[in-house]
Amino acid sequence: MGLILAVSTTIVVFHQLLDLSFIPKENIGLLLMLYLHEPSFDYYPFHVLYPIIPWIGVMGLGWCFGIYLNSLDHGRVKRLATPIANIGVASILIFVVIRWLNSFGNLVLRRGDTVQD
C-alpha cells in the first residue's frame, strides 16, 4: 500500500510537470496526449475531461484511503464520519468559489452565467 500511496500522491501533485511534447500532435499522437494527460475541449469531437494519468493517481489515493478506513475499528470510523463529511462540504464550497472567480483550476473559463458555465 505504501508504494501505491507514494506513486498516487506523486501523480496527483506533479502530473502538470509531465512533458509529453515528444508525442507528435497529429492523428493518433494527439488523441494519445488527450486521453493520457491533457483535458481539452479544443479538438471536436474528442472532448476529454478526465485523462487517464491523473485519474490513476486519484483512484490510487481513494483506494489507500479506503484501506486505511477498513483497518480502523468501527468506533473510530464513526468518529471520523463528521470530519470527513465536513472536508467534503468544504471541498465543494472551495470548488464553487474557484469556479465563481473564474480562476485557476478551471479547465474552461466561464463565458456567461448559465448553469453549464
N, C-alpha and C. Protein backbone atom coordinates (compact mmCIF):
# COMPACT_ATOMS: atom_id res chain seq x y z
N MET A 1 0.82 -1.19 0.00
CA MET A 1 0.00 0.00 0.00
C MET A 1 0.87 1.26 0.00
N GLY A 2 2.01 1.20 0.65
CA GLY A 2 2.89 2.37 0.71
C GLY A 2 3.34 2.83 -0.67
N LEU A 3 3.65 1.88 -1.54
CA LEU A 3 4.09 2.21 -2.89
C LEU A 3 2.95 2.87 -3.68
N ILE A 4 1.75 2.31 -3.57
CA ILE A 4 0.60 2.89 -4.28
C ILE A 4 0.32 4.29 -3.76
N LEU A 5 0.40 4.49 -2.46
CA LEU A 5 0.19 5.82 -1.89
C LEU A 5 1.24 6.81 -2.40
N ALA A 6 2.49 6.41 -2.43
CA ALA A 6 3.57 7.29 -2.89
C ALA A 6 3.42 7.63 -4.37
N VAL A 7 3.15 6.63 -5.19
CA VAL A 7 3.01 6.84 -6.63
C VAL A 7 1.78 7.70 -6.92
N SER A 8 0.67 7.41 -6.26
CA SER A 8 -0.56 8.16 -6.47
C SER A 8 -0.41 9.62 -6.06
N THR A 9 0.22 9.86 -4.92
CA THR A 9 0.45 11.23 -4.47
C THR A 9 1.35 11.97 -5.44
N THR A 10 2.39 11.30 -5.91
CA THR A 10 3.31 11.92 -6.88
C THR A 10 2.57 12.27 -8.16
N ILE A 11 1.74 11.39 -8.64
CA ILE A 11 0.98 11.66 -9.86
C ILE A 11 0.07 12.86 -9.67
N VAL A 12 -0.69 12.89 -8.59
CA VAL A 12 -1.64 13.98 -8.37
C VAL A 12 -0.93 15.32 -8.21
N VAL A 13 0.17 15.33 -7.50
CA VAL A 13 0.87 16.59 -7.23
C VAL A 13 1.67 17.07 -8.44
N PHE A 14 2.30 16.17 -9.16
CA PHE A 14 3.26 16.58 -10.19
C PHE A 14 2.84 16.29 -11.63
N HIS A 15 1.61 15.83 -11.88
CA HIS A 15 1.28 15.45 -13.25
C HIS A 15 1.32 16.62 -14.23
N GLN A 16 1.14 17.84 -13.75
CA GLN A 16 1.23 19.00 -14.65
C GLN A 16 2.64 19.23 -15.16
N LEU A 17 3.63 18.69 -14.47
CA LEU A 17 5.02 18.85 -14.89
C LEU A 17 5.44 17.81 -15.93
N LEU A 18 4.58 16.82 -16.17
CA LEU A 18 4.90 15.77 -17.14
C LEU A 18 4.96 16.38 -18.54
N ASP A 19 6.06 16.17 -19.22
CA ASP A 19 6.25 16.72 -20.56
C ASP A 19 6.07 15.62 -21.60
N LEU A 20 4.99 15.71 -22.34
CA LEU A 20 4.71 14.75 -23.39
C LEU A 20 4.92 15.38 -24.77
N SER A 21 5.78 16.37 -24.86
CA SER A 21 5.98 17.09 -26.12
C SER A 21 6.65 16.21 -27.19
N PHE A 22 7.21 15.09 -26.77
CA PHE A 22 7.84 14.19 -27.75
C PHE A 22 6.79 13.44 -28.58
N ILE A 23 5.54 13.46 -28.14
CA ILE A 23 4.47 12.80 -28.90
C ILE A 23 4.00 13.77 -29.98
N PRO A 24 4.00 13.36 -31.23
CA PRO A 24 3.56 14.26 -32.31
C PRO A 24 2.10 14.66 -32.11
N LYS A 25 1.77 15.92 -32.43
CA LYS A 25 0.41 16.42 -32.22
C LYS A 25 -0.47 16.28 -33.46
N GLU A 26 -0.32 15.21 -34.16
CA GLU A 26 -1.24 14.95 -35.26
C GLU A 26 -1.69 13.49 -35.19
N ASN A 27 -2.89 13.28 -35.69
CA ASN A 27 -3.51 11.96 -35.75
C ASN A 27 -3.55 11.25 -34.41
N ILE A 28 -3.00 10.05 -34.34
CA ILE A 28 -3.04 9.23 -33.13
C ILE A 28 -2.29 9.88 -31.98
N GLY A 29 -1.20 10.58 -32.26
CA GLY A 29 -0.43 11.24 -31.20
C GLY A 29 -1.26 12.25 -30.43
N LEU A 30 -2.09 13.01 -31.13
CA LEU A 30 -2.96 13.99 -30.48
C LEU A 30 -3.95 13.29 -29.57
N LEU A 31 -4.58 12.24 -30.07
CA LEU A 31 -5.53 11.50 -29.24
C LEU A 31 -4.85 10.89 -28.02
N LEU A 32 -3.65 10.38 -28.22
CA LEU A 32 -2.89 9.79 -27.12
C LEU A 32 -2.63 10.84 -26.03
N MET A 33 -2.20 12.03 -26.43
CA MET A 33 -1.94 13.10 -25.45
C MET A 33 -3.22 13.50 -24.73
N LEU A 34 -4.32 13.60 -25.47
CA LEU A 34 -5.59 13.99 -24.84
C LEU A 34 -6.05 12.95 -23.83
N TYR A 35 -6.04 11.70 -24.23
CA TYR A 35 -6.56 10.66 -23.35
C TYR A 35 -5.62 10.33 -22.19
N LEU A 36 -4.33 10.53 -22.37
CA LEU A 36 -3.39 10.23 -21.30
C LEU A 36 -3.23 11.36 -20.29
N HIS A 37 -3.20 12.63 -20.77
CA HIS A 37 -2.73 13.66 -19.87
C HIS A 37 -3.44 15.00 -19.94
N GLU A 38 -3.90 15.44 -21.08
CA GLU A 38 -4.34 16.82 -21.23
C GLU A 38 -5.84 16.93 -21.49
N PRO A 39 -6.62 17.37 -20.50
CA PRO A 39 -8.04 17.58 -20.75
C PRO A 39 -8.22 18.73 -21.73
N SER A 40 -9.20 18.61 -22.63
CA SER A 40 -9.37 19.66 -23.64
C SER A 40 -10.75 19.58 -24.28
N PHE A 41 -11.26 20.76 -24.65
CA PHE A 41 -12.46 20.88 -25.47
C PHE A 41 -12.11 21.32 -26.88
N ASP A 42 -10.84 21.46 -27.19
CA ASP A 42 -10.40 22.10 -28.43
C ASP A 42 -10.41 21.22 -29.67
N TYR A 43 -10.56 19.92 -29.52
CA TYR A 43 -10.42 19.02 -30.65
C TYR A 43 -11.71 18.23 -30.89
N TYR A 44 -12.72 18.91 -31.40
CA TYR A 44 -14.01 18.27 -31.67
C TYR A 44 -13.82 17.09 -32.61
N PRO A 45 -14.42 15.99 -32.37
CA PRO A 45 -15.39 15.57 -31.38
C PRO A 45 -14.77 14.93 -30.14
N PHE A 46 -13.49 15.12 -29.93
CA PHE A 46 -12.79 14.47 -28.82
C PHE A 46 -12.70 15.42 -27.63
N HIS A 47 -13.75 15.46 -26.82
CA HIS A 47 -13.77 16.26 -25.60
C HIS A 47 -13.33 15.36 -24.45
N VAL A 48 -12.16 15.58 -23.95
CA VAL A 48 -11.61 14.74 -22.89
C VAL A 48 -11.58 15.56 -21.60
N LEU A 49 -12.35 15.12 -20.60
CA LEU A 49 -12.39 15.83 -19.32
C LEU A 49 -11.56 15.12 -18.25
N TYR A 50 -11.43 13.82 -18.35
CA TYR A 50 -10.75 13.05 -17.32
C TYR A 50 -9.67 12.18 -17.95
N PRO A 51 -8.48 12.75 -18.17
CA PRO A 51 -7.40 11.96 -18.75
C PRO A 51 -6.93 10.86 -17.79
N ILE A 52 -6.36 9.83 -18.36
CA ILE A 52 -6.06 8.61 -17.62
C ILE A 52 -5.00 8.79 -16.53
N ILE A 53 -3.89 9.45 -16.84
CA ILE A 53 -2.79 9.53 -15.87
C ILE A 53 -3.22 10.20 -14.56
N PRO A 54 -3.82 11.40 -14.59
CA PRO A 54 -4.22 11.99 -13.31
C PRO A 54 -5.26 11.15 -12.56
N TRP A 55 -6.17 10.51 -13.28
CA TRP A 55 -7.19 9.73 -12.61
C TRP A 55 -6.65 8.44 -12.01
N ILE A 56 -5.58 7.92 -12.53
CA ILE A 56 -4.94 6.77 -11.88
C ILE A 56 -4.46 7.19 -10.49
N GLY A 57 -3.89 8.38 -10.40
CA GLY A 57 -3.46 8.89 -9.10
C GLY A 57 -4.62 9.11 -8.15
N VAL A 58 -5.71 9.68 -8.63
CA VAL A 58 -6.89 9.93 -7.79
C VAL A 58 -7.48 8.60 -7.30
N MET A 59 -7.58 7.62 -8.20
CA MET A 59 -8.12 6.32 -7.81
C MET A 59 -7.21 5.62 -6.80
N GLY A 60 -5.89 5.74 -6.98
CA GLY A 60 -4.96 5.14 -6.03
C GLY A 60 -5.09 5.75 -4.65
N LEU A 61 -5.24 7.08 -4.59
CA LEU A 61 -5.43 7.74 -3.30
C LEU A 61 -6.73 7.29 -2.63
N GLY A 62 -7.79 7.17 -3.42
CA GLY A 62 -9.06 6.70 -2.87
C GLY A 62 -8.96 5.28 -2.36
N TRP A 63 -8.24 4.44 -3.09
CA TRP A 63 -8.06 3.05 -2.67
C TRP A 63 -7.30 3.00 -1.34
N CYS A 64 -6.22 3.78 -1.24
CA CYS A 64 -5.43 3.80 0.00
C CYS A 64 -6.25 4.33 1.17
N PHE A 65 -7.08 5.34 0.93
CA PHE A 65 -7.92 5.87 1.99
C PHE A 65 -8.94 4.82 2.44
N GLY A 66 -9.50 4.07 1.49
CA GLY A 66 -10.43 3.01 1.83
C GLY A 66 -9.76 1.91 2.65
N ILE A 67 -8.54 1.53 2.28
CA ILE A 67 -7.79 0.52 3.04
C ILE A 67 -7.52 1.03 4.46
N TYR A 68 -7.17 2.31 4.57
CA TYR A 68 -6.93 2.90 5.90
C TYR A 68 -8.19 2.85 6.75
N LEU A 69 -9.33 3.28 6.19
CA LEU A 69 -10.58 3.26 6.95
C LEU A 69 -10.97 1.84 7.32
N ASN A 70 -10.73 0.89 6.45
CA ASN A 70 -11.06 -0.50 6.71
C ASN A 70 -10.21 -1.09 7.84
N SER A 71 -9.03 -0.53 8.05
CA SER A 71 -8.15 -1.06 9.10
C SER A 71 -8.51 -0.53 10.49
N LEU A 72 -9.36 0.49 10.54
CA LEU A 72 -9.75 1.08 11.83
C LEU A 72 -10.92 0.32 12.44
N ASP A 73 -11.05 0.44 13.76
CA ASP A 73 -12.21 -0.18 14.41
C ASP A 73 -13.46 0.65 14.14
N HIS A 74 -14.61 0.04 14.33
CA HIS A 74 -15.90 0.66 13.98
C HIS A 74 -16.11 2.00 14.71
N GLY A 75 -15.76 2.07 15.98
CA GLY A 75 -15.95 3.30 16.74
C GLY A 75 -15.13 4.45 16.19
N ARG A 76 -13.91 4.16 15.81
CA ARG A 76 -13.04 5.21 15.24
C ARG A 76 -13.58 5.71 13.90
N VAL A 77 -14.08 4.79 13.10
CA VAL A 77 -14.65 5.19 11.80
C VAL A 77 -15.87 6.08 12.02
N LYS A 78 -16.72 5.75 13.00
CA LYS A 78 -17.89 6.57 13.29
C LYS A 78 -17.48 7.96 13.75
N ARG A 79 -16.39 8.06 14.54
CA ARG A 79 -15.91 9.38 14.99
C ARG A 79 -15.34 10.19 13.83
N LEU A 80 -14.81 9.52 12.83
CA LEU A 80 -14.25 10.21 11.66
C LEU A 80 -15.30 10.63 10.64
N ALA A 81 -16.53 10.12 10.79
CA ALA A 81 -17.57 10.41 9.79
C ALA A 81 -17.84 11.91 9.69
N THR A 82 -17.96 12.60 10.80
CA THR A 82 -18.25 14.04 10.76
C THR A 82 -17.09 14.84 10.17
N PRO A 83 -15.84 14.63 10.60
CA PRO A 83 -14.76 15.39 9.96
C PRO A 83 -14.62 15.11 8.46
N ILE A 84 -14.85 13.87 8.05
CA ILE A 84 -14.75 13.55 6.63
C ILE A 84 -15.88 14.25 5.86
N ALA A 85 -17.09 14.25 6.43
CA ALA A 85 -18.21 14.96 5.78
C ALA A 85 -17.92 16.46 5.71
N ASN A 86 -17.34 17.03 6.77
CA ASN A 86 -17.00 18.46 6.75
C ASN A 86 -15.96 18.78 5.68
N ILE A 87 -14.98 17.91 5.53
CA ILE A 87 -13.98 18.10 4.49
C ILE A 87 -14.63 18.04 3.11
N GLY A 88 -15.57 17.12 2.93
CA GLY A 88 -16.29 17.01 1.66
C GLY A 88 -17.08 18.27 1.34
N VAL A 89 -17.82 18.78 2.32
CA VAL A 89 -18.60 20.00 2.12
C VAL A 89 -17.67 21.18 1.84
N ALA A 90 -16.58 21.29 2.60
CA ALA A 90 -15.62 22.38 2.38
C ALA A 90 -15.01 22.29 0.98
N SER A 91 -14.71 21.09 0.53
CA SER A 91 -14.15 20.91 -0.82
C SER A 91 -15.12 21.38 -1.89
N ILE A 92 -16.39 21.07 -1.72
CA ILE A 92 -17.40 21.51 -2.68
C ILE A 92 -17.52 23.03 -2.66
N LEU A 93 -17.51 23.62 -1.48
CA LEU A 93 -17.59 25.09 -1.39
C LEU A 93 -16.38 25.76 -2.02
N ILE A 94 -15.20 25.21 -1.80
CA ILE A 94 -13.99 25.75 -2.42
C ILE A 94 -14.08 25.64 -3.94
N PHE A 95 -14.59 24.51 -4.44
CA PHE A 95 -14.78 24.34 -5.88
C PHE A 95 -15.70 25.44 -6.43
N VAL A 96 -16.82 25.68 -5.74
CA VAL A 96 -17.78 26.69 -6.21
C VAL A 96 -17.14 28.07 -6.21
N VAL A 97 -16.38 28.39 -5.17
CA VAL A 97 -15.72 29.70 -5.12
C VAL A 97 -14.70 29.84 -6.25
N ILE A 98 -13.88 28.84 -6.45
CA ILE A 98 -12.88 28.89 -7.53
C ILE A 98 -13.58 29.02 -8.88
N ARG A 99 -14.64 28.26 -9.07
CA ARG A 99 -15.36 28.33 -10.34
C ARG A 99 -16.01 29.70 -10.51
N TRP A 100 -16.56 30.24 -9.43
CA TRP A 100 -17.21 31.56 -9.48
C TRP A 100 -16.20 32.66 -9.81
N LEU A 101 -14.99 32.55 -9.25
CA LEU A 101 -13.95 33.56 -9.50
C LEU A 101 -13.34 33.41 -10.89
N ASN A 102 -13.65 32.28 -11.56
CA ASN A 102 -13.16 32.06 -12.92
C ASN A 102 -11.63 32.07 -12.95
N SER A 103 -11.04 31.33 -12.03
CA SER A 103 -9.58 31.39 -11.90
C SER A 103 -8.96 30.00 -12.02
N PHE A 104 -7.79 29.85 -11.45
CA PHE A 104 -7.02 28.61 -11.53
C PHE A 104 -7.89 27.40 -11.19
N GLY A 105 -7.69 26.34 -11.91
CA GLY A 105 -8.42 25.11 -11.64
C GLY A 105 -9.55 24.88 -12.61
N ASN A 106 -9.88 25.87 -13.41
CA ASN A 106 -10.96 25.72 -14.37
C ASN A 106 -10.39 25.25 -15.70
N LEU A 107 -10.92 24.14 -16.19
CA LEU A 107 -10.49 23.65 -17.49
C LEU A 107 -10.85 24.66 -18.57
N VAL A 108 -12.07 25.15 -18.51
CA VAL A 108 -12.55 26.14 -19.48
C VAL A 108 -13.11 27.31 -18.68
N LEU A 109 -12.69 28.51 -18.99
CA LEU A 109 -13.18 29.68 -18.28
C LEU A 109 -14.66 29.90 -18.56
N ARG A 110 -15.34 30.46 -17.57
CA ARG A 110 -16.76 30.80 -17.75
C ARG A 110 -16.90 31.83 -18.83
N ARG A 111 -17.93 31.66 -19.65
CA ARG A 111 -18.18 32.62 -20.73
C ARG A 111 -19.46 33.39 -20.48
N GLY A 112 -20.25 32.95 -19.53
CA GLY A 112 -21.53 33.59 -19.24
C GLY A 112 -21.99 33.20 -17.85
N ASP A 113 -23.28 33.32 -17.65
CA ASP A 113 -23.84 33.00 -16.33
C ASP A 113 -24.84 31.85 -16.42
N THR A 114 -24.61 30.90 -17.28
CA THR A 114 -25.50 29.76 -17.38
C THR A 114 -25.11 28.69 -16.37
N VAL A 115 -25.99 27.74 -16.15
CA VAL A 115 -25.71 26.65 -15.23
C VAL A 115 -24.51 25.86 -15.69
N GLN A 116 -24.40 25.62 -16.98
CA GLN A 116 -23.27 24.85 -17.51
C GLN A 116 -21.95 25.57 -17.26
N ASP A 117 -21.96 26.89 -17.40
CA ASP A 117 -20.73 27.66 -17.13
C ASP A 117 -20.37 27.54 -15.68
